[in-house]
């Protein structure tokens, strides 16, 4: 059995929902009231995030807290695709 840490699951989900929303790390940092460096550290699993802060992140993404705890496939591309102007 492969052991996955909760921190890694949350980190992957932060990336997943940030990219899904088309947000840069800088924009997410602004919404959270923190720095893009802090967001980067969370996304790479280098930060222990308090339960209150996880709740804050879920609120920013406008979703239920449990969605940050779902074990998803790892996000391969962390880059935001720019929309083409028509």
PDB file of N, CA and C in Angstrom:
ATOM      1  N   UNK A   1       0.847  -1.179   0.000  1.00  0.00           N
ATOM      2  CA  UNK A   1       0.000   0.000   0.000  1.00  0.00           C
ATOM      3  C   UNK A   1       0.892   1.242   0.000  1.00  0.00           C
ATOM      4  N   UNK A   2       0.521   2.201  -0.838  1.00  0.00           N
ATOM      5  CA  UNK A   2       1.260   3.459  -0.922  1.00  0.00           C
ATOM      6  C   UNK A   2       0.733   4.400   0.146  1.00  0.00           C
ATOM      7  N   UNK A   3       1.638   4.979   0.907  1.00  0.00           N
ATOM      8  CA  UNK A   3       1.249   5.902   1.964  1.00  0.00           C
ATOM      9  C   UNK A   3       1.348   7.337   1.440  1.00  0.00           C
ATOM     10  N   UNK A   4       0.238   8.043   1.485  1.00  0.00           N
ATOM     11  CA  UNK A   4       0.199   9.431   1.030  1.00  0.00           C
ATOM     12  C   UNK A   4      -0.125  10.304   2.229  1.00  0.00           C
ATOM     13  N   UNK A   5       0.628  11.367   2.365  1.00  0.00           N
ATOM     14  CA  UNK A   5       0.420  12.280   3.482  1.00  0.00           C
ATOM     15  C   UNK A   5      -0.725  13.239   3.173  1.00  0.00           C
ATOM     16  N   UNK A   6      -1.461  13.599   4.193  1.00  0.00           N
ATOM     17  CA  UNK A   6      -2.562  14.545   4.053  1.00  0.00           C
ATOM     18  C   UNK A   6      -2.035  15.871   3.494  1.00  0.00           C
ATOM     19  N   UNK A   7      -0.854  16.262   3.932  1.00  0.00           N
ATOM     20  CA  UNK A   7      -0.268  17.513   3.445  1.00  0.00           C
ATOM     21  C   UNK A   7      -0.104  17.488   1.921  1.00  0.00           C
ATOM     22  N   UNK A   8       0.310  16.332   1.381  1.00  0.00           N
ATOM     23  CA  UNK A   8       0.489  16.201  -0.073  1.00  0.00           C
ATOM     24  C   UNK A   8      -0.850  16.251  -0.800  1.00  0.00           C
ATOM     25  N   UNK A   9      -1.880  15.664  -0.211  1.00  0.00           N
ATOM     26  CA  UNK A   9      -3.216  15.691  -0.808  1.00  0.00           C
ATOM     27  C   UNK A   9      -3.729  17.118  -0.863  1.00  0.00           C
ATOM     28  N   UNK A  10      -3.609  17.837   0.257  1.00  0.00           N
ATOM     29  CA  UNK A  10      -4.079  19.223   0.300  1.00  0.00           C
ATOM     30  C   UNK A  10      -3.276  20.079  -0.677  1.00  0.00           C
ATOM     31  N   UNK A  11      -1.967  19.884  -0.725  1.00  0.00           N
ATOM     32  CA  UNK A  11      -1.118  20.652  -1.639  1.00  0.00           C
ATOM     33  C   UNK A  11      -1.560  20.443  -3.082  1.00  0.00           C
ATOM     34  N   UNK A  12      -1.783  19.189  -3.467  1.00  0.00           N
ATOM     35  CA  UNK A  12      -2.218  18.883  -4.829  1.00  0.00           C
ATOM     36  C   UNK A  12      -3.576  19.513  -5.127  1.00  0.00           C
ATOM     37  N   UNK A  13      -4.468  19.488  -4.145  1.00  0.00           N
ATOM     38  CA  UNK A  13      -5.798  20.060  -4.349  1.00  0.00           C
ATOM     39  C   UNK A  13      -5.776  21.580  -4.455  1.00  0.00           C
ATOM     40  N   UNK A  14      -4.888  22.215  -3.734  1.00  0.00           N
ATOM     41  CA  UNK A  14      -4.759  23.672  -3.877  1.00  0.00           C
ATOM     42  C   UNK A  14      -4.352  23.999  -5.313  1.00  0.00           C
ATOM     43  N   UNK A  15      -3.379  23.257  -5.831  1.00  0.00           N
ATOM     44  CA  UNK A  15      -2.963  23.453  -7.228  1.00  0.00           C
ATOM     45  C   UNK A  15      -4.127  23.146  -8.163  1.00  0.00           C
ATOM     46  N   UNK A  16      -4.783  22.006  -7.937  1.00  0.00           N
ATOM     47  CA  UNK A  16      -5.888  21.571  -8.796  1.00  0.00           C
ATOM     48  C   UNK A  16      -6.960  22.654  -8.912  1.00  0.00           C
ATOM     49  N   UNK A  17      -7.423  23.167  -7.779  1.00  0.00           N
ATOM     50  CA  UNK A  17      -8.507  24.150  -7.820  1.00  0.00           C
ATOM     51  C   UNK A  17      -8.031  25.522  -8.289  1.00  0.00           C
ATOM     52  N   UNK A  18      -6.782  25.864  -7.999  1.00  0.00           N
ATOM     53  CA  UNK A  18      -6.248  27.139  -8.494  1.00  0.00           C
ATOM     54  C   UNK A  18      -6.203  27.119 -10.019  1.00  0.00           C
ATOM     55  N   UNK A  19      -5.662  26.044 -10.578  1.00  0.00           N
ATOM     56  CA  UNK A  19      -5.562  25.925 -12.035  1.00  0.00           C
ATOM     57  C   UNK A  19      -6.957  25.823 -12.657  1.00  0.00           C
ATOM     58  N   UNK A  20      -7.828  25.048 -12.037  1.00  0.00           N
ATOM     59  CA  UNK A  20      -9.199  24.894 -12.540  1.00  0.00           C
ATOM     60  C   UNK A  20      -9.915  26.240 -12.630  1.00  0.00           C
ATOM     61  N   UNK A  21      -9.631  27.128 -11.670  1.00  0.00           N
ATOM     62  CA  UNK A  21     -10.237  28.461 -11.668  1.00  0.00           C
ATOM     63  C   UNK A  21      -9.499  29.449 -12.566  1.00  0.00           C
ATOM     64  N   UNK A  22      -8.342  29.033 -13.091  1.00  0.00           N
ATOM     65  CA  UNK A  22      -7.567  29.917 -13.955  1.00  0.00           C
ATOM     66  C   UNK A  22      -6.844  31.011 -13.193  1.00  0.00           C
ATOM     67  N   UNK A  23      -6.509  30.738 -11.937  1.00  0.00           N
ATOM     68  CA  UNK A  23      -5.865  31.727 -11.073  1.00  0.00           C
ATOM     69  C   UNK A  23      -4.362  31.507 -11.015  1.00  0.00           C
ATOM     70  N   UNK A  24      -3.629  32.599 -10.994  1.00  0.00           N
ATOM     71  CA  UNK A  24      -2.179  32.532 -10.762  1.00  0.00           C
ATOM     72  C   UNK A  24      -1.945  32.377  -9.263  1.00  0.00           C
ATOM     73  N   UNK A  25      -0.729  32.010  -8.908  1.00  0.00           N
ATOM     74  CA  UNK A  25      -0.375  31.962  -7.481  1.00  0.00           C
ATOM     75  C   UNK A  25      -0.503  33.348  -6.869  1.00  0.00           C
ATOM     76  N   UNK A  26      -0.156  34.362  -7.625  1.00  0.00           N
ATOM     77  CA  UNK A  26      -0.229  35.736  -7.126  1.00  0.00           C
ATOM     78  C   UNK A  26      -1.672  36.125  -6.811  1.00  0.00           C
ATOM     79  N   UNK A  27      -2.592  35.737  -7.700  1.00  0.00           N
ATOM     80  CA  UNK A  27      -4.002  36.075  -7.479  1.00  0.00           C
ATOM     81  C   UNK A  27      -4.556  35.323  -6.271  1.00  0.00           C
ATOM     82  N   UNK A  28      -4.249  34.029  -6.166  1.00  0.00           N
ATOM     83  CA  UNK A  28      -4.704  33.265  -5.006  1.00  0.00           C
ATOM     84  C   UNK A  28      -4.128  33.856  -3.726  1.00  0.00           C
ATOM     85  N   UNK A  29      -2.868  34.242  -3.752  1.00  0.00           N
ATOM     86  CA  UNK A  29      -2.236  34.860  -2.584  1.00  0.00           C
ATOM     87  C   UNK A  29      -2.985  36.132  -2.180  1.00  0.00           C
ATOM     88  N   UNK A  30      -3.357  36.921  -3.164  1.00  0.00           N
ATOM     89  CA  UNK A  30      -4.099  38.165  -2.884  1.00  0.00           C
ATOM     90  C   UNK A  30      -5.432  37.842  -2.212  1.00  0.00           C
ATOM     91  N   UNK A  31      -6.152  36.844  -2.724  1.00  0.00           N
ATOM     92  CA  UNK A  31      -7.438  36.454  -2.137  1.00  0.00           C
ATOM     93  C   UNK A  31      -7.274  35.927  -0.715  1.00  0.00           C
ATOM     94  N   UNK A  32      -6.179  35.217  -0.474  1.00  0.00           N
ATOM     95  CA  UNK A  32      -5.926  34.648   0.852  1.00  0.00           C
ATOM     96  C   UNK A  32      -5.328  35.658   1.831  1.00  0.00           C
ATOM     97  N   UNK A  33      -4.829  36.773   1.301  1.00  0.00           N
ATOM     98  CA  UNK A  33      -4.185  37.760   2.160  1.00  0.00           C
ATOM     99  C   UNK A  33      -2.792  37.338   2.580  1.00  0.00           C
ATOM    100  N   UNK A  34      -2.069  36.693   1.660  1.00  0.00           N
ATOM    101  CA  UNK A  34      -0.722  36.215   1.952  1.00  0.00           C
ATOM    102  C   UNK A  34       0.175  36.486   0.752  1.00  0.00           C
ATOM    103  N   UNK A  35       1.362  35.909   0.740  1.00  0.00           N
ATOM    104  CA  UNK A  35       2.302  36.131  -0.360  1.00  0.00           C
ATOM    105  C   UNK A  35       2.265  34.961  -1.348  1.00  0.00           C
ATOM    106  N   UNK A  36       2.701  35.217  -2.560  1.00  0.00           N
ATOM    107  CA  UNK A  36       2.772  34.143  -3.553  1.00  0.00           C
ATOM    108  C   UNK A  36       3.815  33.103  -3.137  1.00  0.00           C
ATOM    109  N   UNK A  37       4.839  33.513  -2.403  1.00  0.00           N
ATOM    110  CA  UNK A  37       5.841  32.565  -1.905  1.00  0.00           C
ATOM    111  C   UNK A  37       5.188  31.581  -0.932  1.00  0.00           C
ATOM    112  N   UNK A  38       4.287  32.059  -0.093  1.00  0.00           N
ATOM    113  CA  UNK A  38       3.583  31.186   0.851  1.00  0.00           C
ATOM    114  C   UNK A  38       2.685  30.202   0.105  1.00  0.00           C
ATOM    115  N   UNK A  39       1.983  30.703  -0.929  1.00  0.00           N
ATOM    116  CA  UNK A  39       1.134  29.829  -1.743  1.00  0.00           C
ATOM    117  C   UNK A  39       1.992  28.744  -2.393  1.00  0.00           C
ATOM    118  N   UNK A  40       3.135  29.122  -2.924  1.00  0.00           N
ATOM    119  CA  UNK A  40       4.045  28.159  -3.551  1.00  0.00           C
ATOM    120  C   UNK A  40       4.476  27.092  -2.553  1.00  0.00           C
ATOM    121  N   UNK A  41       4.806  27.494  -1.339  1.00  0.00           N
ATOM    122  CA  UNK A  41       5.217  26.545  -0.309  1.00  0.00           C
ATOM    123  C   UNK A  41       4.072  25.595   0.061  1.00  0.00           C
ATOM    124  N   UNK A  42       2.841  26.121   0.106  1.00  0.00           N
ATOM    125  CA  UNK A  42       1.684  25.252   0.377  1.00  0.00           C
ATOM    126  C   UNK A  42       1.508  24.252  -0.755  1.00  0.00           C
ATOM    127  N   UNK A  43       1.626  24.733  -2.005  1.00  0.00           N
ATOM    128  CA  UNK A  43       1.419  23.876  -3.171  1.00  0.00           C
ATOM    129  C   UNK A  43       2.496  22.793  -3.304  1.00  0.00           C
ATOM    130  N   UNK A  44       3.640  23.021  -2.728  1.00  0.00           N
ATOM    131  CA  UNK A  44       4.707  22.031  -2.778  1.00  0.00           C
ATOM    132  C   UNK A  44       4.774  21.194  -1.494  1.00  0.00           C
ATOM    133  N   UNK A  45       3.795  21.358  -0.604  1.00  0.00           N
ATOM    134  CA  UNK A  45       3.728  20.572   0.617  1.00  0.00           C
ATOM    135  C   UNK A  45       4.801  20.902   1.625  1.00  0.00           C
ATOM    136  N   UNK A  46       5.331  22.118   1.566  1.00  0.00           N
ATOM    137  CA  UNK A  46       6.396  22.519   2.481  1.00  0.00           C
ATOM    138  C   UNK A  46       5.877  23.253   3.718  1.00  0.00           C
ATOM    139  N   UNK A  47       4.576  23.423   3.800  1.00  0.00           N
ATOM    140  CA  UNK A  47       3.962  24.130   4.927  1.00  0.00           C
ATOM    141  C   UNK A  47       2.975  23.232   5.644  1.00  0.00           C
ATOM    142  N   UNK A  48       2.995  23.280   6.966  1.00  0.00           N
ATOM    143  CA  UNK A  48       1.918  22.703   7.756  1.00  0.00           C
ATOM    144  C   UNK A  48       0.829  23.764   7.793  1.00  0.00           C
ATOM    145  N   UNK A  49      -0.348  23.402   7.347  1.00  0.00           N
ATOM    146  CA  UNK A  49      -1.441  24.367   7.270  1.00  0.00           C
ATOM    147  C   UNK A  49      -2.433  24.040   8.372  1.00  0.00           C
ATOM    148  N   UNK A  50      -2.792  25.042   9.163  1.00  0.00           N
ATOM    149  CA  UNK A  50      -3.743  24.817  10.256  1.00  0.00           C
ATOM    150  C   UNK A  50      -5.131  24.499   9.694  1.00  0.00           C
ATOM    151  N   UNK A  51      -5.935  23.847  10.498  1.00  0.00           N
ATOM    152  CA  UNK A  51      -7.299  23.513  10.066  1.00  0.00           C
ATOM    153  C   UNK A  51      -8.108  24.778   9.782  1.00  0.00           C
ATOM    154  N   UNK A  52      -7.882  25.829  10.551  1.00  0.00           N
ATOM    155  CA  UNK A  52      -8.580  27.093  10.296  1.00  0.00           C
ATOM    156  C   UNK A  52      -8.195  27.669   8.940  1.00  0.00           C
ATOM    157  N   UNK A  53      -6.912  27.554   8.575  1.00  0.00           N
ATOM    158  CA  UNK A  53      -6.459  28.097   7.301  1.00  0.00           C
ATOM    159  C   UNK A  53      -6.967  27.238   6.137  1.00  0.00           C
ATOM    160  N   UNK A  54      -7.058  25.932   6.337  1.00  0.00           N
ATOM    161  CA  UNK A  54      -7.626  25.057   5.311  1.00  0.00           C
ATOM    162  C   UNK A  54      -9.083  25.449   5.067  1.00  0.00           C
ATOM    163  N   UNK A  55      -9.800  25.749   6.137  1.00  0.00           N
ATOM    164  CA  UNK A  55     -11.182  26.224   6.022  1.00  0.00           C
ATOM    165  C   UNK A  55     -11.233  27.539   5.245  1.00  0.00           C
ATOM    166  N   UNK A  56     -10.299  28.431   5.509  1.00  0.00           N
ATOM    167  CA  UNK A  56     -10.201  29.711   4.801  1.00  0.00           C
ATOM    168  C   UNK A  56      -9.974  29.467   3.301  1.00  0.00           C
ATOM    169  N   UNK A  57      -9.096  28.546   2.976  1.00  0.00           N
ATOM    170  CA  UNK A  57      -8.813  28.212   1.568  1.00  0.00           C
ATOM    171  C   UNK A  57     -10.079  27.679   0.893  1.00  0.00           C
ATOM    172  N   UNK A  58     -10.786  26.777   1.569  1.00  0.00           N
ATOM    173  CA  UNK A  58     -12.031  26.229   1.009  1.00  0.00           C
ATOM    174  C   UNK A  58     -13.038  27.344   0.748  1.00  0.00           C
ATOM    175  N   UNK A  59     -13.131  28.293   1.665  1.00  0.00           N
ATOM    176  CA  UNK A  59     -14.048  29.425   1.477  1.00  0.00           C
ATOM    177  C   UNK A  59     -13.656  30.271   0.275  1.00  0.00           C
ATOM    178  N   UNK A  60     -12.365  30.483   0.071  1.00  0.00           N
ATOM    179  CA  UNK A  60     -11.891  31.262  -1.082  1.00  0.00           C
ATOM    180  C   UNK A  60     -12.278  30.550  -2.377  1.00  0.00           C
ATOM    181  N   UNK A  61     -12.156  29.218  -2.388  1.00  0.00           N
ATOM    182  CA  UNK A  61     -12.529  28.438  -3.572  1.00  0.00           C
ATOM    183  C   UNK A  61     -14.046  28.224  -3.666  1.00  0.00           C
ATOM    184  N   UNK A  62     -14.792  28.677  -2.647  1.00  0.00           N
ATOM    185  CA  UNK A  62     -16.253  28.528  -2.586  1.00  0.00           C
ATOM    186  C   UNK A  62     -16.664  27.061  -2.710  1.00  0.00           C
ATOM    187  N   UNK A  63     -16.095  26.255  -1.820  1.00  0.00           N
ATOM    188  CA  UNK A  63     -16.402  24.833  -1.838  1.00  0.00           C
ATOM    189  C   UNK A  63     -16.424  24.290  -0.423  1.00  0.00           C
ATOM    190  N   UNK A  64     -16.842  23.037  -0.316  1.00  0.00           N
ATOM    191  CA  UNK A  64     -16.867  22.367   0.975  1.00  0.00           C
ATOM    192  C   UNK A  64     -15.447  21.952   1.365  1.00  0.00           C
ATOM    193  N   UNK A  65     -15.160  21.989   2.636  1.00  0.00           N
ATOM    194  CA  UNK A  65     -13.837  21.669   3.162  1.00  0.00           C
ATOM    195  C   UNK A  65     -13.346  20.286   2.725  1.00  0.00           C
ATOM    196  N   UNK A  66     -14.234  19.298   2.721  1.00  0.00           N
ATOM    197  CA  UNK A  66     -13.822  17.928   2.400  1.00  0.00           C
ATOM    198  C   UNK A  66     -13.220  17.816   0.997  1.00  0.00           C
ATOM    199  N   UNK A  67     -13.583  18.737   0.091  1.00  0.00           N
ATOM    200  CA  UNK A  67     -13.073  18.678  -1.278  1.00  0.00           C
ATOM    201  C   UNK A  67     -11.552  18.877  -1.333  1.00  0.00           C
ATOM    202  N   UNK A  68     -10.985  19.529  -0.316  1.00  0.00           N
ATOM    203  CA  UNK A  68      -9.534  19.695  -0.252  1.00  0.00           C
ATOM    204  C   UNK A  68      -8.850  18.431   0.268  1.00  0.00           C
ATOM    205  N   UNK A  69      -9.642  17.454   0.719  1.00  0.00           N
ATOM    206  CA  UNK A  69      -9.080  16.222   1.277  1.00  0.00           C
ATOM    207  C   UNK A  69      -9.268  15.013   0.364  1.00  0.00           C
ATOM    208  N   UNK A  70      -9.865  15.234  -0.812  1.00  0.00           N
ATOM    209  CA  UNK A  70     -10.062  14.143  -1.766  1.00  0.00           C
ATOM    210  C   UNK A  70      -8.730  13.833  -2.446  1.00  0.00           C
ATOM    211  N   UNK A  71      -8.365  12.558  -2.483  1.00  0.00           N
ATOM    212  CA  UNK A  71      -7.104  12.146  -3.100  1.00  0.00           C
ATOM    213  C   UNK A  71      -7.291  12.063  -4.619  1.00  0.00           C
ATOM    214  N   UNK A  72      -6.823  13.091  -5.331  1.00  0.00           N
ATOM    215  CA  UNK A  72      -6.940  13.162  -6.785  1.00  0.00           C
ATOM    216  C   UNK A  72      -5.623  12.780  -7.444  1.00  0.00           C
ATOM    217  N   UNK A  73      -5.685  12.552  -8.758  1.00  0.00           N
ATOM    218  CA  UNK A  73      -4.467  12.332  -9.529  1.00  0.00           C
ATOM    219  C   UNK A  73      -3.580  13.568  -9.386  1.00  0.00           C
ATOM    220  N   UNK A  74      -2.277  13.380  -9.317  1.00  0.00           N
ATOM    221  CA  UNK A  74      -1.378  14.537  -9.202  1.00  0.00           C
ATOM    222  C   UNK A  74      -1.526  15.485 -10.390  1.00  0.00           C
ATOM    223  N   UNK A  75      -1.499  16.765 -10.095  1.00  0.00           N
ATOM    224  CA  UNK A  75      -1.576  17.791 -11.136  1.00  0.00           C
ATOM    225  C   UNK A  75      -0.221  17.828 -11.833  1.00  0.00           C
ATOM    226  N   UNK A  76      -0.231  17.681 -13.149  1.00  0.00           N
ATOM    227  CA  UNK A  76       1.002  17.671 -13.918  1.00  0.00           C
ATOM    228  C   UNK A  76       1.432  19.095 -14.259  1.00  0.00           C
ATOM    229  N   UNK A  77       0.527  19.858 -14.844  1.00  0.00           N
ATOM    230  CA  UNK A  77       0.856  21.226 -15.252  1.00  0.00           C
ATOM    231  C   UNK A  77       0.274  22.218 -14.261  1.00  0.00           C
ATOM    232  N   UNK A  78       1.120  23.044 -13.721  1.00  0.00           N
ATOM    233  CA  UNK A  78       0.685  24.068 -12.771  1.00  0.00           C
ATOM    234  C   UNK A  78       0.477  25.415 -13.446  1.00  0.00           C
ATOM    235  N   UNK A  79       0.705  25.455 -14.733  1.00  0.00           N
ATOM    236  CA  UNK A  79       0.588  26.716 -15.472  1.00  0.00           C
ATOM    237  C   UNK A  79      -0.849  26.968 -15.898  1.00  0.00           C
ATOM    238  N   UNK A  80      -1.167  28.239 -15.954  1.00  0.00           N
ATOM    239  CA  UNK A  80      -2.488  28.673 -16.381  1.00  0.00           C
ATOM    240  C   UNK A  80      -2.437  28.903 -17.890  1.00  0.00           C
ATOM    241  N   UNK A  81      -3.376  28.310 -18.608  1.00  0.00           N
ATOM    242  CA  UNK A  81      -3.441  28.547 -20.045  1.00  0.00           C
ATOM    243  C   UNK A  81      -4.125  29.879 -20.290  1.00  0.00           C
ATOM    244  N   UNK A  82      -3.479  30.716 -21.065  1.00  0.00           N
ATOM    245  CA  UNK A  82      -4.086  32.008 -21.398  1.00  0.00           C
ATOM    246  C   UNK A  82      -5.167  31.814 -22.430  1.00  0.00           C
ATOM    247  N   UNK A  83      -6.271  32.505 -22.205  1.00  0.00           N
ATOM    248  CA  UNK A  83      -7.385  32.416 -23.133  1.00  0.00           C
ATOM    249  C   UNK A  83      -7.080  33.249 -24.367  1.00  0.00           C
ATOM    250  N   UNK A  84      -7.423  32.690 -25.524  1.00  0.00           N
ATOM    251  CA  UNK A  84      -7.199  33.409 -26.781  1.00  0.00           C
ATOM    252  C   UNK A  84      -8.322  34.404 -26.990  1.00  0.00           C
ATOM    253  N   UNK A  85      -7.965  35.599 -27.434  1.00  0.00           N
ATOM    254  CA  UNK A  85      -8.973  36.610 -27.755  1.00  0.00           C
ATOM    255  C   UNK A  85      -9.557  36.291 -29.118  1.00  0.00           C
ATOM    256  N   UNK A  86     -10.864  36.417 -29.234  1.00  0.00           N
ATOM    257  CA  UNK A  86     -11.517  36.139 -30.512  1.00  0.00           C
ATOM    258  C   UNK A  86     -11.909  37.418 -31.195  1.00  0.00           C
TER     259      UNK A  86
END
